[in-house]
Amino acid sequence: MPEHKRHGTMLLSSVTDPYQGHETRYRLTRGILRELKTVEYPGLVRILTKSPVVTRDIDLLTSLPRAEVGMTVTTADEKVSRWLEVRAPLASRRLRTLTELREAVATRVSLSPPAPESHD
C-alpha cells in the first residue's frame, strides 16, 4: 500500500455487515484484520456491525494502533427490532457486545435508521 494511503480510515463496512453468518466459517474479516496487523497499518480501522461475532477478533483489534467498533441499533424495542431485523441479533445483545468490547477498544453506537418507538 502506498505510504500516502496508509494513514486514512478504513471502514469495514458501511453497506454489508462484515460479520454476516458465513464469517464464522470463512473468517474473511479476521483475515483482513490479520493482514492489517501484518503490514502495520497505522490508520484508523473502524468496524460497523450488528453481530457479536466481532468479539472473536478482539485479539487482532487490540493489536492495531487505532481500532473502533460500532454497533448499528435501529430501536431499543425488542419486538420492533425482531420484526424489522428478522435475522439480526436483538439490540440488547448488540449493546452487551459493546460493553464487552469497551475495555479493550473504542466503541460507539450507530442509530440507523432510527425506528419510531412503540407505545403499547
N, C-alpha and C. Protein backbone atom coordinates (compact mmCIF):
# COMPACT_ATOMS: atom_id res chain seq x y z
N MET A 1 0.85 -1.17 0.00
CA MET A 1 0.00 0.00 0.00
C MET A 1 0.90 1.24 0.00
N PRO A 2 0.61 2.19 -0.90
CA PRO A 2 1.43 3.40 -0.95
C PRO A 2 1.40 4.14 0.39
N GLU A 3 2.52 4.72 0.76
CA GLU A 3 2.66 5.39 2.06
C GLU A 3 1.59 6.46 2.28
N HIS A 4 1.25 7.22 1.24
CA HIS A 4 0.28 8.31 1.41
C HIS A 4 -1.14 7.80 1.71
N LYS A 5 -1.40 6.51 1.48
CA LYS A 5 -2.72 5.95 1.77
C LYS A 5 -2.75 5.17 3.08
N ARG A 6 -1.63 5.11 3.76
CA ARG A 6 -1.54 4.31 4.98
C ARG A 6 -2.05 5.03 6.22
N HIS A 7 -2.53 6.24 6.09
CA HIS A 7 -2.94 7.00 7.26
C HIS A 7 -4.43 7.33 7.27
N GLY A 8 -5.15 6.84 6.31
CA GLY A 8 -6.58 7.11 6.24
C GLY A 8 -7.37 6.17 7.14
N THR A 9 -8.68 6.35 7.10
CA THR A 9 -9.58 5.50 7.86
C THR A 9 -10.09 4.38 6.97
N MET A 10 -10.06 3.16 7.48
CA MET A 10 -10.59 2.02 6.76
C MET A 10 -11.87 1.59 7.48
N LEU A 11 -12.98 1.49 6.74
CA LEU A 11 -14.25 1.11 7.33
C LEU A 11 -14.69 -0.24 6.82
N LEU A 12 -14.93 -1.15 7.75
CA LEU A 12 -15.46 -2.48 7.45
C LEU A 12 -16.80 -2.58 8.19
N SER A 13 -17.89 -2.37 7.69
CA SER A 13 -18.30 -1.99 6.39
C SER A 13 -19.56 -1.15 6.52
N SER A 14 -19.76 -0.25 5.63
CA SER A 14 -20.90 0.65 5.72
C SER A 14 -22.15 0.12 5.03
N VAL A 15 -22.01 -0.83 4.14
CA VAL A 15 -23.15 -1.34 3.38
C VAL A 15 -23.46 -2.79 3.73
N THR A 16 -22.46 -3.62 3.79
CA THR A 16 -22.64 -5.04 4.09
C THR A 16 -21.92 -5.37 5.39
N ASP A 17 -22.62 -5.97 6.31
CA ASP A 17 -22.04 -6.29 7.61
C ASP A 17 -20.84 -7.23 7.45
N PRO A 18 -19.68 -6.87 8.00
CA PRO A 18 -18.51 -7.73 7.85
C PRO A 18 -18.56 -9.00 8.69
N TYR A 19 -19.57 -9.12 9.56
CA TYR A 19 -19.71 -10.31 10.39
C TYR A 19 -21.03 -11.01 10.13
N GLN A 20 -21.35 -11.20 8.84
CA GLN A 20 -22.53 -11.97 8.48
C GLN A 20 -22.32 -13.42 8.87
N GLY A 21 -23.36 -14.21 8.75
CA GLY A 21 -23.34 -15.61 9.18
C GLY A 21 -22.16 -16.43 8.69
N HIS A 22 -21.74 -16.24 7.46
CA HIS A 22 -20.66 -17.05 6.90
C HIS A 22 -19.29 -16.68 7.46
N GLU A 23 -19.21 -15.55 8.16
CA GLU A 23 -17.92 -15.14 8.73
C GLU A 23 -17.38 -16.16 9.73
N THR A 24 -18.26 -16.81 10.46
CA THR A 24 -17.79 -17.78 11.44
C THR A 24 -17.07 -18.96 10.78
N ARG A 25 -17.45 -19.25 9.55
CA ARG A 25 -16.79 -20.35 8.83
C ARG A 25 -15.60 -19.88 8.01
N TYR A 26 -15.78 -18.82 7.22
CA TYR A 26 -14.74 -18.41 6.28
C TYR A 26 -13.73 -17.42 6.85
N ARG A 27 -14.09 -16.69 7.90
CA ARG A 27 -13.16 -15.81 8.60
C ARG A 27 -12.49 -14.77 7.70
N LEU A 28 -13.24 -14.23 6.76
CA LEU A 28 -12.68 -13.24 5.83
C LEU A 28 -12.33 -11.93 6.54
N THR A 29 -13.22 -11.47 7.41
CA THR A 29 -12.94 -10.23 8.14
C THR A 29 -11.73 -10.43 9.04
N ARG A 30 -11.65 -11.56 9.68
CA ARG A 30 -10.47 -11.86 10.52
C ARG A 30 -9.21 -11.84 9.67
N GLY A 31 -9.28 -12.36 8.46
CA GLY A 31 -8.13 -12.35 7.56
C GLY A 31 -7.71 -10.94 7.20
N ILE A 32 -8.68 -10.07 6.97
CA ILE A 32 -8.37 -8.67 6.66
C ILE A 32 -7.68 -8.02 7.86
N LEU A 33 -8.21 -8.23 9.05
CA LEU A 33 -7.61 -7.65 10.25
C LEU A 33 -6.20 -8.19 10.47
N ARG A 34 -6.01 -9.47 10.22
CA ARG A 34 -4.68 -10.07 10.36
C ARG A 34 -3.70 -9.42 9.39
N GLU A 35 -4.14 -9.19 8.17
CA GLU A 35 -3.27 -8.56 7.17
C GLU A 35 -2.94 -7.12 7.56
N LEU A 36 -3.92 -6.39 8.09
CA LEU A 36 -3.66 -5.02 8.54
C LEU A 36 -2.64 -5.01 9.67
N LYS A 37 -2.70 -6.00 10.53
CA LYS A 37 -1.71 -6.13 11.59
C LYS A 37 -0.33 -6.43 11.00
N THR A 38 -0.29 -7.35 10.05
CA THR A 38 0.97 -7.75 9.43
C THR A 38 1.67 -6.58 8.75
N VAL A 39 0.90 -5.75 8.04
CA VAL A 39 1.51 -4.61 7.33
C VAL A 39 1.65 -3.39 8.22
N GLU A 40 1.30 -3.55 9.49
CA GLU A 40 1.38 -2.48 10.48
C GLU A 40 0.65 -1.22 10.01
N TYR A 41 -0.60 -1.42 9.62
CA TYR A 41 -1.42 -0.31 9.15
C TYR A 41 -1.62 0.71 10.28
N PRO A 42 -1.17 1.96 10.09
CA PRO A 42 -1.23 2.95 11.16
C PRO A 42 -2.54 3.74 11.23
N GLY A 43 -3.36 3.64 10.20
CA GLY A 43 -4.61 4.41 10.16
C GLY A 43 -5.67 3.83 11.07
N LEU A 44 -6.78 4.53 11.16
CA LEU A 44 -7.92 4.08 11.96
C LEU A 44 -8.67 2.98 11.23
N VAL A 45 -8.94 1.89 11.93
CA VAL A 45 -9.74 0.79 11.40
C VAL A 45 -11.06 0.80 12.15
N ARG A 46 -12.14 1.08 11.43
CA ARG A 46 -13.47 1.10 12.03
C ARG A 46 -14.26 -0.10 11.53
N ILE A 47 -14.97 -0.72 12.45
CA ILE A 47 -15.86 -1.83 12.10
C ILE A 47 -17.26 -1.41 12.48
N LEU A 48 -18.20 -1.60 11.57
CA LEU A 48 -19.61 -1.33 11.83
C LEU A 48 -20.36 -2.64 11.58
N THR A 49 -21.02 -3.15 12.60
CA THR A 49 -21.65 -4.46 12.52
C THR A 49 -22.90 -4.50 13.39
N LYS A 50 -23.60 -5.60 13.31
CA LYS A 50 -24.71 -5.90 14.21
C LYS A 50 -24.43 -7.20 14.95
N SER A 51 -23.28 -7.79 14.71
CA SER A 51 -23.01 -9.15 15.17
C SER A 51 -22.06 -9.21 16.37
N PRO A 52 -22.41 -10.02 17.37
CA PRO A 52 -21.49 -10.24 18.49
C PRO A 52 -20.26 -11.06 18.11
N VAL A 53 -20.23 -11.61 16.91
CA VAL A 53 -19.06 -12.38 16.46
C VAL A 53 -17.80 -11.50 16.46
N VAL A 54 -17.97 -10.20 16.39
CA VAL A 54 -16.82 -9.29 16.40
C VAL A 54 -15.94 -9.51 17.62
N THR A 55 -16.50 -9.97 18.73
CA THR A 55 -15.69 -10.20 19.94
C THR A 55 -14.63 -11.28 19.72
N ARG A 56 -14.86 -12.15 18.77
CA ARG A 56 -13.89 -13.20 18.43
C ARG A 56 -12.56 -12.59 18.01
N ASP A 57 -12.61 -11.39 17.41
CA ASP A 57 -11.42 -10.76 16.85
C ASP A 57 -10.80 -9.72 17.76
N ILE A 58 -11.14 -9.74 19.02
CA ILE A 58 -10.63 -8.73 19.95
C ILE A 58 -9.11 -8.76 20.02
N ASP A 59 -8.51 -9.93 19.85
CA ASP A 59 -7.04 -10.02 19.89
C ASP A 59 -6.42 -9.22 18.75
N LEU A 60 -7.01 -9.28 17.57
CA LEU A 60 -6.47 -8.53 16.43
C LEU A 60 -6.80 -7.05 16.54
N LEU A 61 -8.00 -6.74 17.00
CA LEU A 61 -8.39 -5.34 17.15
C LEU A 61 -7.47 -4.62 18.13
N THR A 62 -7.12 -5.27 19.20
CA THR A 62 -6.24 -4.63 20.19
C THR A 62 -4.80 -4.57 19.72
N SER A 63 -4.45 -5.34 18.71
CA SER A 63 -3.07 -5.30 18.19
C SER A 63 -2.88 -4.18 17.16
N LEU A 64 -3.99 -3.59 16.72
CA LEU A 64 -3.90 -2.47 15.78
C LEU A 64 -3.71 -1.17 16.55
N PRO A 65 -2.95 -0.23 15.98
CA PRO A 65 -2.72 1.03 16.69
C PRO A 65 -3.99 1.83 16.97
N ARG A 66 -4.94 1.77 16.03
CA ARG A 66 -6.18 2.53 16.17
C ARG A 66 -7.33 1.71 15.62
N ALA A 67 -8.22 1.28 16.50
CA ALA A 67 -9.38 0.49 16.07
C ALA A 67 -10.61 0.95 16.83
N GLU A 68 -11.75 0.82 16.19
CA GLU A 68 -13.03 1.22 16.78
C GLU A 68 -14.10 0.27 16.28
N VAL A 69 -15.02 -0.12 17.18
CA VAL A 69 -16.13 -0.99 16.79
C VAL A 69 -17.43 -0.26 17.08
N GLY A 70 -18.30 -0.21 16.07
CA GLY A 70 -19.62 0.35 16.23
C GLY A 70 -20.68 -0.70 15.99
N MET A 71 -21.76 -0.58 16.72
CA MET A 71 -22.90 -1.47 16.54
C MET A 71 -24.08 -0.64 16.05
N THR A 72 -24.72 -1.10 14.99
CA THR A 72 -25.91 -0.43 14.49
C THR A 72 -27.10 -0.89 15.31
N VAL A 73 -27.86 0.08 15.81
CA VAL A 73 -29.07 -0.19 16.57
C VAL A 73 -30.19 0.62 15.92
N THR A 74 -31.28 -0.04 15.60
CA THR A 74 -32.41 0.62 14.97
C THR A 74 -33.44 1.08 15.99
N THR A 75 -33.64 0.26 17.01
CA THR A 75 -34.61 0.56 18.06
C THR A 75 -34.24 -0.22 19.31
N ALA A 76 -34.64 0.30 20.47
CA ALA A 76 -34.43 -0.42 21.72
C ALA A 76 -35.60 -1.34 22.04
N ASP A 77 -36.66 -1.23 21.27
CA ASP A 77 -37.86 -2.06 21.46
C ASP A 77 -37.60 -3.43 20.84
N GLU A 78 -37.49 -4.46 21.67
CA GLU A 78 -37.14 -5.80 21.18
C GLU A 78 -38.15 -6.36 20.18
N LYS A 79 -39.43 -6.09 20.38
CA LYS A 79 -40.45 -6.59 19.45
C LYS A 79 -40.30 -5.94 18.08
N VAL A 80 -40.10 -4.64 18.08
CA VAL A 80 -39.91 -3.92 16.81
C VAL A 80 -38.61 -4.37 16.15
N SER A 81 -37.58 -4.52 16.95
CA SER A 81 -36.29 -4.97 16.44
C SER A 81 -36.42 -6.32 15.75
N ARG A 82 -37.11 -7.27 16.38
CA ARG A 82 -37.27 -8.60 15.80
C ARG A 82 -38.08 -8.54 14.51
N TRP A 83 -39.07 -7.66 14.46
CA TRP A 83 -39.90 -7.52 13.27
C TRP A 83 -39.13 -6.86 12.12
N LEU A 84 -38.34 -5.82 12.42
CA LEU A 84 -37.60 -5.11 11.37
C LEU A 84 -36.37 -5.87 10.89
N GLU A 85 -35.69 -6.53 11.81
CA GLU A 85 -34.42 -7.18 11.50
C GLU A 85 -34.49 -8.65 11.92
N VAL A 86 -35.20 -9.39 11.13
CA VAL A 86 -35.55 -10.77 11.48
C VAL A 86 -34.35 -11.63 11.85
N ARG A 87 -33.27 -11.54 11.13
CA ARG A 87 -32.13 -12.43 11.38
C ARG A 87 -30.99 -11.77 12.15
N ALA A 88 -31.14 -10.53 12.49
CA ALA A 88 -30.08 -9.83 13.22
C ALA A 88 -30.21 -10.06 14.72
N PRO A 89 -29.10 -9.99 15.44
CA PRO A 89 -29.18 -10.09 16.90
C PRO A 89 -30.03 -8.94 17.46
N LEU A 90 -30.70 -9.20 18.56
CA LEU A 90 -31.50 -8.16 19.20
C LEU A 90 -30.61 -7.00 19.64
N ALA A 91 -31.21 -5.83 19.71
CA ALA A 91 -30.46 -4.64 20.12
C ALA A 91 -29.81 -4.83 21.48
N SER A 92 -30.49 -5.49 22.39
CA SER A 92 -29.93 -5.71 23.73
C SER A 92 -28.63 -6.52 23.65
N ARG A 93 -28.59 -7.50 22.75
CA ARG A 93 -27.37 -8.30 22.58
C ARG A 93 -26.25 -7.46 21.97
N ARG A 94 -26.60 -6.58 21.05
CA ARG A 94 -25.59 -5.71 20.44
C ARG A 94 -24.98 -4.78 21.48
N LEU A 95 -25.81 -4.23 22.34
CA LEU A 95 -25.32 -3.32 23.37
C LEU A 95 -24.45 -4.07 24.39
N ARG A 96 -24.80 -5.30 24.71
CA ARG A 96 -23.95 -6.12 25.59
C ARG A 96 -22.59 -6.38 24.94
N THR A 97 -22.60 -6.57 23.63
CA THR A 97 -21.34 -6.78 22.91
C THR A 97 -20.45 -5.55 23.04
N LEU A 98 -21.02 -4.37 22.88
CA LEU A 98 -20.23 -3.14 23.05
C LEU A 98 -19.67 -3.04 24.46
N THR A 99 -20.45 -3.44 25.44
CA THR A 99 -19.99 -3.43 26.82
C THR A 99 -18.78 -4.35 26.98
N GLU A 100 -18.84 -5.53 26.35
CA GLU A 100 -17.72 -6.47 26.41
C GLU A 100 -16.47 -5.90 25.77
N LEU A 101 -16.65 -5.14 24.69
CA LEU A 101 -15.52 -4.62 23.92
C LEU A 101 -14.90 -3.35 24.49
N ARG A 102 -15.67 -2.57 25.20
CA ARG A 102 -15.23 -1.21 25.54
C ARG A 102 -14.00 -1.14 26.43
N GLU A 103 -13.69 -2.19 27.15
CA GLU A 103 -12.46 -2.19 27.96
C GLU A 103 -11.21 -2.30 27.08
N ALA A 104 -11.37 -2.86 25.90
CA ALA A 104 -10.21 -3.14 25.05
C ALA A 104 -10.09 -2.24 23.83
N VAL A 105 -11.21 -1.74 23.34
CA VAL A 105 -11.20 -0.99 22.08
C VAL A 105 -12.28 0.09 22.14
N ALA A 106 -12.07 1.17 21.39
CA ALA A 106 -13.08 2.24 21.34
C ALA A 106 -14.37 1.69 20.74
N THR A 107 -15.50 2.11 21.29
CA THR A 107 -16.79 1.63 20.82
C THR A 107 -17.74 2.80 20.60
N ARG A 108 -18.79 2.54 19.81
CA ARG A 108 -19.82 3.54 19.56
C ARG A 108 -21.09 2.84 19.11
N VAL A 109 -22.19 3.56 19.21
CA VAL A 109 -23.48 3.08 18.72
C VAL A 109 -23.84 3.90 17.50
N SER A 110 -24.30 3.24 16.47
CA SER A 110 -24.81 3.91 15.28
C SER A 110 -26.32 3.71 15.26
N LEU A 111 -27.06 4.77 15.47
CA LEU A 111 -28.53 4.71 15.46
C LEU A 111 -28.99 4.94 14.04
N SER A 112 -29.26 3.81 13.34
CA SER A 112 -29.52 3.95 11.92
C SER A 112 -30.32 2.77 11.38
N PRO A 113 -31.35 3.01 10.62
CA PRO A 113 -32.15 4.23 10.67
C PRO A 113 -32.99 4.19 11.93
N PRO A 114 -33.20 5.30 12.58
CA PRO A 114 -33.99 5.27 13.81
C PRO A 114 -35.43 4.89 13.51
N ALA A 115 -35.93 3.91 14.22
CA ALA A 115 -37.31 3.47 14.04
C ALA A 115 -38.20 4.17 15.07
N PRO A 116 -39.43 4.46 14.71
CA PRO A 116 -40.33 5.07 15.70
C PRO A 116 -40.56 4.10 16.84
N GLU A 117 -40.63 4.62 18.05
CA GLU A 117 -40.82 3.78 19.23
C GLU A 117 -42.26 3.32 19.33
N SER A 118 -42.44 2.12 19.85
CA SER A 118 -43.75 1.58 20.10
C SER A 118 -44.25 2.05 21.47
N HIS A 119 -45.51 2.37 21.58
CA HIS A 119 -46.06 2.85 22.85
C HIS A 119 -47.21 1.96 23.32
N ASP A 120 -47.02 0.64 23.15
CA ASP A 120 -48.05 -0.31 23.59
C ASP A 120 -48.04 -0.48 25.09
